[in-house]
Amino acid sequence: MSVLKATGLIEAEIHALESTGQYAPSQVATVTCITEEGMVELAHWIYERGPMPEHKL
């Protein structure tokens, strides 16, 4: 989330939590919106990948 926020593709709030692991501090992120630039990138990504395959349960 921090990379997407830093590149301007989303707006988000990122907060540190009490560390529960031995290697990295835990964080929680709340995405408040996908920016216009993010929507363009998402559309490119979807177009390049094509339709998602159907999943059968």
PDB file of N, CA and C in Angstrom:
ATOM      1  N   MET A   1       0.812  -1.179   0.000  1.00  0.00           N
ATOM      2  CA  MET A   1       0.000   0.000   0.000  1.00  0.00           C
ATOM      3  C   MET A   1       0.860   1.249   0.000  1.00  0.00           C
ATOM      4  N   SER A   2       1.982   1.201   0.698  1.00  0.00           N
ATOM      5  CA  SER A   2       2.821   2.397   0.760  1.00  0.00           C
ATOM      6  C   SER A   2       3.364   2.789  -0.617  1.00  0.00           C
ATOM      7  N   VAL A   3       3.681   1.806  -1.460  1.00  0.00           N
ATOM      8  CA  VAL A   3       4.173   2.109  -2.812  1.00  0.00           C
ATOM      9  C   VAL A   3       3.056   2.692  -3.659  1.00  0.00           C
ATOM     10  N   LEU A   4       1.858   2.107  -3.582  1.00  0.00           N
ATOM     11  CA  LEU A   4       0.726   2.634  -4.351  1.00  0.00           C
ATOM     12  C   LEU A   4       0.396   4.059  -3.918  1.00  0.00           C
ATOM     13  N   LYS A   5       0.469   4.310  -2.608  1.00  0.00           N
ATOM     14  CA  LYS A   5       0.213   5.656  -2.100  1.00  0.00           C
ATOM     15  C   LYS A   5       1.305   6.620  -2.547  1.00  0.00           C
ATOM     16  N   ALA A   6       2.558   6.194  -2.454  1.00  0.00           N
ATOM     17  CA  ALA A   6       3.682   7.058  -2.826  1.00  0.00           C
ATOM     18  C   ALA A   6       3.671   7.415  -4.310  1.00  0.00           C
ATOM     19  N   THR A   7       3.182   6.509  -5.145  1.00  0.00           N
ATOM     20  CA  THR A   7       3.138   6.783  -6.585  1.00  0.00           C
ATOM     21  C   THR A   7       1.857   7.495  -7.001  1.00  0.00           C
ATOM     22  N   GLY A   8       0.954   7.762  -6.047  1.00  0.00           N
ATOM     23  CA  GLY A   8      -0.246   8.524  -6.350  1.00  0.00           C
ATOM     24  C   GLY A   8      -1.379   7.718  -6.941  1.00  0.00           C
ATOM     25  N   LEU A   9      -1.315   6.389  -6.838  1.00  0.00           N
ATOM     26  CA  LEU A   9      -2.367   5.561  -7.415  1.00  0.00           C
ATOM     27  C   LEU A   9      -3.550   5.365  -6.474  1.00  0.00           C
ATOM     28  N   ILE A  10      -3.318   5.558  -5.175  1.00  0.00           N
ATOM     29  CA  ILE A  10      -4.399   5.474  -4.188  1.00  0.00           C
ATOM     30  C   ILE A  10      -4.208   6.559  -3.147  1.00  0.00           C
ATOM     31  N   GLU A  11      -5.266   6.827  -2.413  1.00  0.00           N
ATOM     32  CA  GLU A  11      -5.182   7.635  -1.205  1.00  0.00           C
ATOM     33  C   GLU A  11      -5.455   6.678  -0.059  1.00  0.00           C
ATOM     34  N   ALA A  12      -4.588   6.699   0.951  1.00  0.00           N
ATOM     35  CA  ALA A  12      -4.719   5.746   2.051  1.00  0.00           C
ATOM     36  C   ALA A  12      -4.116   6.312   3.318  1.00  0.00           C
ATOM     37  N   GLU A  13      -4.558   5.752   4.443  1.00  0.00           N
ATOM     38  CA  GLU A  13      -3.972   6.046   5.744  1.00  0.00           C
ATOM     39  C   GLU A  13      -3.275   4.774   6.202  1.00  0.00           C
ATOM     40  N   ILE A  14      -1.999   4.894   6.552  1.00  0.00           N
ATOM     41  CA  ILE A  14      -1.228   3.735   6.990  1.00  0.00           C
ATOM     42  C   ILE A  14      -0.767   3.994   8.416  1.00  0.00           C
ATOM     43  N   HIS A  15      -1.115   3.080   9.310  1.00  0.00           N
ATOM     44  CA  HIS A  15      -0.789   3.230  10.727  1.00  0.00           C
ATOM     45  C   HIS A  15      -0.005   2.019  11.218  1.00  0.00           C
ATOM     46  N   ALA A  16       0.987   2.288  12.050  1.00  0.00           N
ATOM     47  CA  ALA A  16       1.755   1.196  12.653  1.00  0.00           C
ATOM     48  C   ALA A  16       0.963   0.604  13.809  1.00  0.00           C
ATOM     49  N   LEU A  17       1.056  -0.707  13.947  1.00  0.00           N
ATOM     50  CA  LEU A  17       0.456  -1.416  15.064  1.00  0.00           C
ATOM     51  C   LEU A  17       1.565  -1.971  15.937  1.00  0.00           C
ATOM     52  N   GLU A  18       1.200  -2.493  17.076  1.00  0.00           N
ATOM     53  CA  GLU A  18       2.183  -3.146  17.926  1.00  0.00           C
ATOM     54  C   GLU A  18       2.759  -4.338  17.177  1.00  0.00           C
ATOM     55  N   SER A  19       4.074  -4.468  17.186  1.00  0.00           N
ATOM     56  CA  SER A  19       4.740  -5.535  16.456  1.00  0.00           C
ATOM     57  C   SER A  19       4.376  -6.902  17.006  1.00  0.00           C
ATOM     58  N   THR A  20       3.988  -7.817  16.105  1.00  0.00           N
ATOM     59  CA  THR A  20       3.660  -9.185  16.518  1.00  0.00           C
ATOM     60  C   THR A  20       4.629 -10.193  15.911  1.00  0.00           C
ATOM     61  N   GLY A  21       5.459  -9.759  14.979  1.00  0.00           N
ATOM     62  CA  GLY A  21       6.414 -10.660  14.337  1.00  0.00           C
ATOM     63  C   GLY A  21       7.834 -10.266  14.694  1.00  0.00           C
ATOM     64  N   GLN A  22       8.772 -11.151  14.432  1.00  0.00           N
ATOM     65  CA  GLN A  22      10.150 -10.857  14.798  1.00  0.00           C
ATOM     66  C   GLN A  22      10.914 -10.088  13.729  1.00  0.00           C
ATOM     67  N   TYR A  23      10.384  -9.961  12.510  1.00  0.00           N
ATOM     68  CA  TYR A  23      11.140  -9.342  11.427  1.00  0.00           C
ATOM     69  C   TYR A  23      10.683  -7.943  11.045  1.00  0.00           C
ATOM     70  N   ALA A  24       9.414  -7.665  11.118  1.00  0.00           N
ATOM     71  CA  ALA A  24       8.918  -6.365  10.662  1.00  0.00           C
ATOM     72  C   ALA A  24       7.750  -5.923  11.520  1.00  0.00           C
ATOM     73  N   PRO A  25       7.608  -4.623  11.713  1.00  0.00           N
ATOM     74  CA  PRO A  25       6.457  -4.135  12.469  1.00  0.00           C
ATOM     75  C   PRO A  25       5.161  -4.335  11.682  1.00  0.00           C
ATOM     76  N   SER A  26       4.091  -4.593  12.387  1.00  0.00           N
ATOM     77  CA  SER A  26       2.788  -4.760  11.748  1.00  0.00           C
ATOM     78  C   SER A  26       2.215  -3.393  11.401  1.00  0.00           C
ATOM     79  N   GLN A  27       1.466  -3.332  10.308  1.00  0.00           N
ATOM     80  CA  GLN A  27       0.809  -2.099   9.907  1.00  0.00           C
ATOM     81  C   GLN A  27      -0.585  -2.420   9.413  1.00  0.00           C
ATOM     82  N   VAL A  28      -1.448  -1.427   9.499  1.00  0.00           N
ATOM     83  CA  VAL A  28      -2.783  -1.545   8.928  1.00  0.00           C
ATOM     84  C   VAL A  28      -2.976  -0.359   7.993  1.00  0.00           C
ATOM     85  N   ALA A  29      -3.637  -0.594   6.864  1.00  0.00           N
ATOM     86  CA  ALA A  29      -3.878   0.474   5.899  1.00  0.00           C
ATOM     87  C   ALA A  29      -5.366   0.544   5.591  1.00  0.00           C
ATOM     88  N   THR A  30      -5.851   1.750   5.479  1.00  0.00           N
ATOM     89  CA  THR A  30      -7.224   1.990   5.049  1.00  0.00           C
ATOM     90  C   THR A  30      -7.157   2.774   3.750  1.00  0.00           C
ATOM     91  N   VAL A  31      -7.595   2.150   2.660  1.00  0.00           N
ATOM     92  CA  VAL A  31      -7.613   2.823   1.361  1.00  0.00           C
ATOM     93  C   VAL A  31      -8.892   3.644   1.290  1.00  0.00           C
ATOM     94  N   THR A  32      -8.746   4.940   1.074  1.00  0.00           N
ATOM     95  CA  THR A  32      -9.922   5.811   1.019  1.00  0.00           C
ATOM     96  C   THR A  32     -10.422   6.019  -0.400  1.00  0.00           C
ATOM     97  N   CYS A  33      -9.519   5.911  -1.397  1.00  0.00           N
ATOM     98  CA  CYS A  33      -9.963   5.992  -2.786  1.00  0.00           C
ATOM     99  C   CYS A  33      -8.853   5.557  -3.727  1.00  0.00           C
ATOM    100  N   ILE A  34      -9.252   5.197  -4.924  1.00  0.00           N
ATOM    101  CA  ILE A  34      -8.323   4.958  -6.027  1.00  0.00           C
ATOM    102  C   ILE A  34      -8.350   6.230  -6.856  1.00  0.00           C
ATOM    103  N   THR A  35      -7.179   6.803  -7.097  1.00  0.00           N
ATOM    104  CA  THR A  35      -7.111   8.067  -7.837  1.00  0.00           C
ATOM    105  C   THR A  35      -7.385   7.836  -9.324  1.00  0.00           C
ATOM    106  N   GLU A  36      -7.545   8.924 -10.056  1.00  0.00           N
ATOM    107  CA  GLU A  36      -7.742   8.803 -11.516  1.00  0.00           C
ATOM    108  C   GLU A  36      -6.567   8.055 -12.143  1.00  0.00           C
ATOM    109  N   GLU A  37      -5.349   8.383 -11.706  1.00  0.00           N
ATOM    110  CA  GLU A  37      -4.164   7.691 -12.225  1.00  0.00           C
ATOM    111  C   GLU A  37      -4.221   6.205 -11.880  1.00  0.00           C
ATOM    112  N   GLY A  38      -4.707   5.886 -10.687  1.00  0.00           N
ATOM    113  CA  GLY A  38      -4.848   4.496 -10.283  1.00  0.00           C
ATOM    114  C   GLY A  38      -5.876   3.761 -11.124  1.00  0.00           C
ATOM    115  N   MET A  39      -6.970   4.428 -11.461  1.00  0.00           N
ATOM    116  CA  MET A  39      -7.996   3.807 -12.296  1.00  0.00           C
ATOM    117  C   MET A  39      -7.458   3.531 -13.702  1.00  0.00           C
ATOM    118  N   VAL A  40      -6.637   4.450 -14.227  1.00  0.00           N
ATOM    119  CA  VAL A  40      -6.032   4.245 -15.548  1.00  0.00           C
ATOM    120  C   VAL A  40      -5.103   3.033 -15.499  1.00  0.00           C
ATOM    121  N   GLU A  41      -4.265   2.950 -14.483  1.00  0.00           N
ATOM    122  CA  GLU A  41      -3.353   1.810 -14.352  1.00  0.00           C
ATOM    123  C   GLU A  41      -4.120   0.507 -14.183  1.00  0.00           C
ATOM    124  N   LEU A  42      -5.175   0.534 -13.405  1.00  0.00           N
ATOM    125  CA  LEU A  42      -6.004  -0.657 -13.200  1.00  0.00           C
ATOM    126  C   LEU A  42      -6.643  -1.093 -14.515  1.00  0.00           C
ATOM    127  N   ALA A  43      -7.146  -0.148 -15.298  1.00  0.00           N
ATOM    128  CA  ALA A  43      -7.750  -0.475 -16.586  1.00  0.00           C
ATOM    129  C   ALA A  43      -6.717  -1.086 -17.531  1.00  0.00           C
ATOM    130  N   HIS A  44      -5.499  -0.548 -17.540  1.00  0.00           N
ATOM    131  CA  HIS A  44      -4.427  -1.122 -18.370  1.00  0.00           C
ATOM    132  C   HIS A  44      -4.129  -2.545 -17.936  1.00  0.00           C
ATOM    133  N   TRP A  45      -4.038  -2.758 -16.644  1.00  0.00           N
ATOM    134  CA  TRP A  45      -3.723  -4.078 -16.103  1.00  0.00           C
ATOM    135  C   TRP A  45      -4.807  -5.094 -16.474  1.00  0.00           C
ATOM    136  N   ILE A  46      -6.065  -4.697 -16.328  1.00  0.00           N
ATOM    137  CA  ILE A  46      -7.180  -5.590 -16.669  1.00  0.00           C
ATOM    138  C   ILE A  46      -7.178  -5.883 -18.168  1.00  0.00           C
ATOM    139  N   TYR A  47      -6.955  -4.857 -18.993  1.00  0.00           N
ATOM    140  CA  TYR A  47      -6.945  -5.034 -20.445  1.00  0.00           C
ATOM    141  C   TYR A  47      -5.834  -5.987 -20.869  1.00  0.00           C
ATOM    142  N   GLU A  48      -4.645  -5.836 -20.287  1.00  0.00           N
ATOM    143  CA  GLU A  48      -3.514  -6.677 -20.659  1.00  0.00           C
ATOM    144  C   GLU A  48      -3.704  -8.127 -20.226  1.00  0.00           C
ATOM    145  N   ARG A  49      -4.332  -8.343 -19.103  1.00  0.00           N
ATOM    146  CA  ARG A  49      -4.519  -9.701 -18.590  1.00  0.00           C
ATOM    147  C   ARG A  49      -5.709 -10.398 -19.216  1.00  0.00           C
ATOM    148  N   GLY A  50      -6.677  -9.643 -19.687  1.00  0.00           N
ATOM    149  CA  GLY A  50      -7.878 -10.247 -20.245  1.00  0.00           C
ATOM    150  C   GLY A  50      -8.864 -10.602 -19.148  1.00  0.00           C
ATOM    151  N   PRO A  51      -9.991 -11.209 -19.519  1.00  0.00           N
ATOM    152  CA  PRO A  51     -11.017 -11.536 -18.523  1.00  0.00           C
ATOM    153  C   PRO A  51     -10.510 -12.589 -17.542  1.00  0.00           C
ATOM    154  N   MET A  52     -10.989 -12.504 -16.323  1.00  0.00           N
ATOM    155  CA  MET A  52     -10.632 -13.465 -15.285  1.00  0.00           C
ATOM    156  C   MET A  52     -11.302 -14.806 -15.592  1.00  0.00           C
ATOM    157  N   PRO A  53     -10.587 -15.910 -15.379  1.00  0.00           N
ATOM    158  CA  PRO A  53     -11.215 -17.219 -15.597  1.00  0.00           C
ATOM    159  C   PRO A  53     -12.295 -17.468 -14.555  1.00  0.00           C
ATOM    160  N   GLU A  54     -13.299 -18.216 -14.933  1.00  0.00           N
ATOM    161  CA  GLU A  54     -14.367 -18.539 -13.992  1.00  0.00           C
ATOM    162  C   GLU A  54     -13.875 -19.602 -13.026  1.00  0.00           C
ATOM    163  N   HIS A  55     -14.234 -19.431 -11.772  1.00  0.00           N
ATOM    164  CA  HIS A  55     -13.862 -20.418 -10.750  1.00  0.00           C
ATOM    165  C   HIS A  55     -15.061 -21.281 -10.452  1.00  0.00           C
ATOM    166  N   LYS A  56     -14.874 -22.565 -10.458  1.00  0.00           N
ATOM    167  CA  LYS A  56     -15.954 -23.500 -10.144  1.00  0.00           C
ATOM    168  C   LYS A  56     -15.711 -24.084  -8.767  1.00  0.00           C
ATOM    169  N   LEU A  57     -16.728 -24.044  -7.961  1.00  0.00           N
ATOM    170  CA  LEU A  57     -16.616 -24.594  -6.605  1.00  0.00           C
ATOM    171  C   LEU A  57     -17.112 -26.005  -6.554  1.00  0.00           C
TER     172      LEU A  57
END
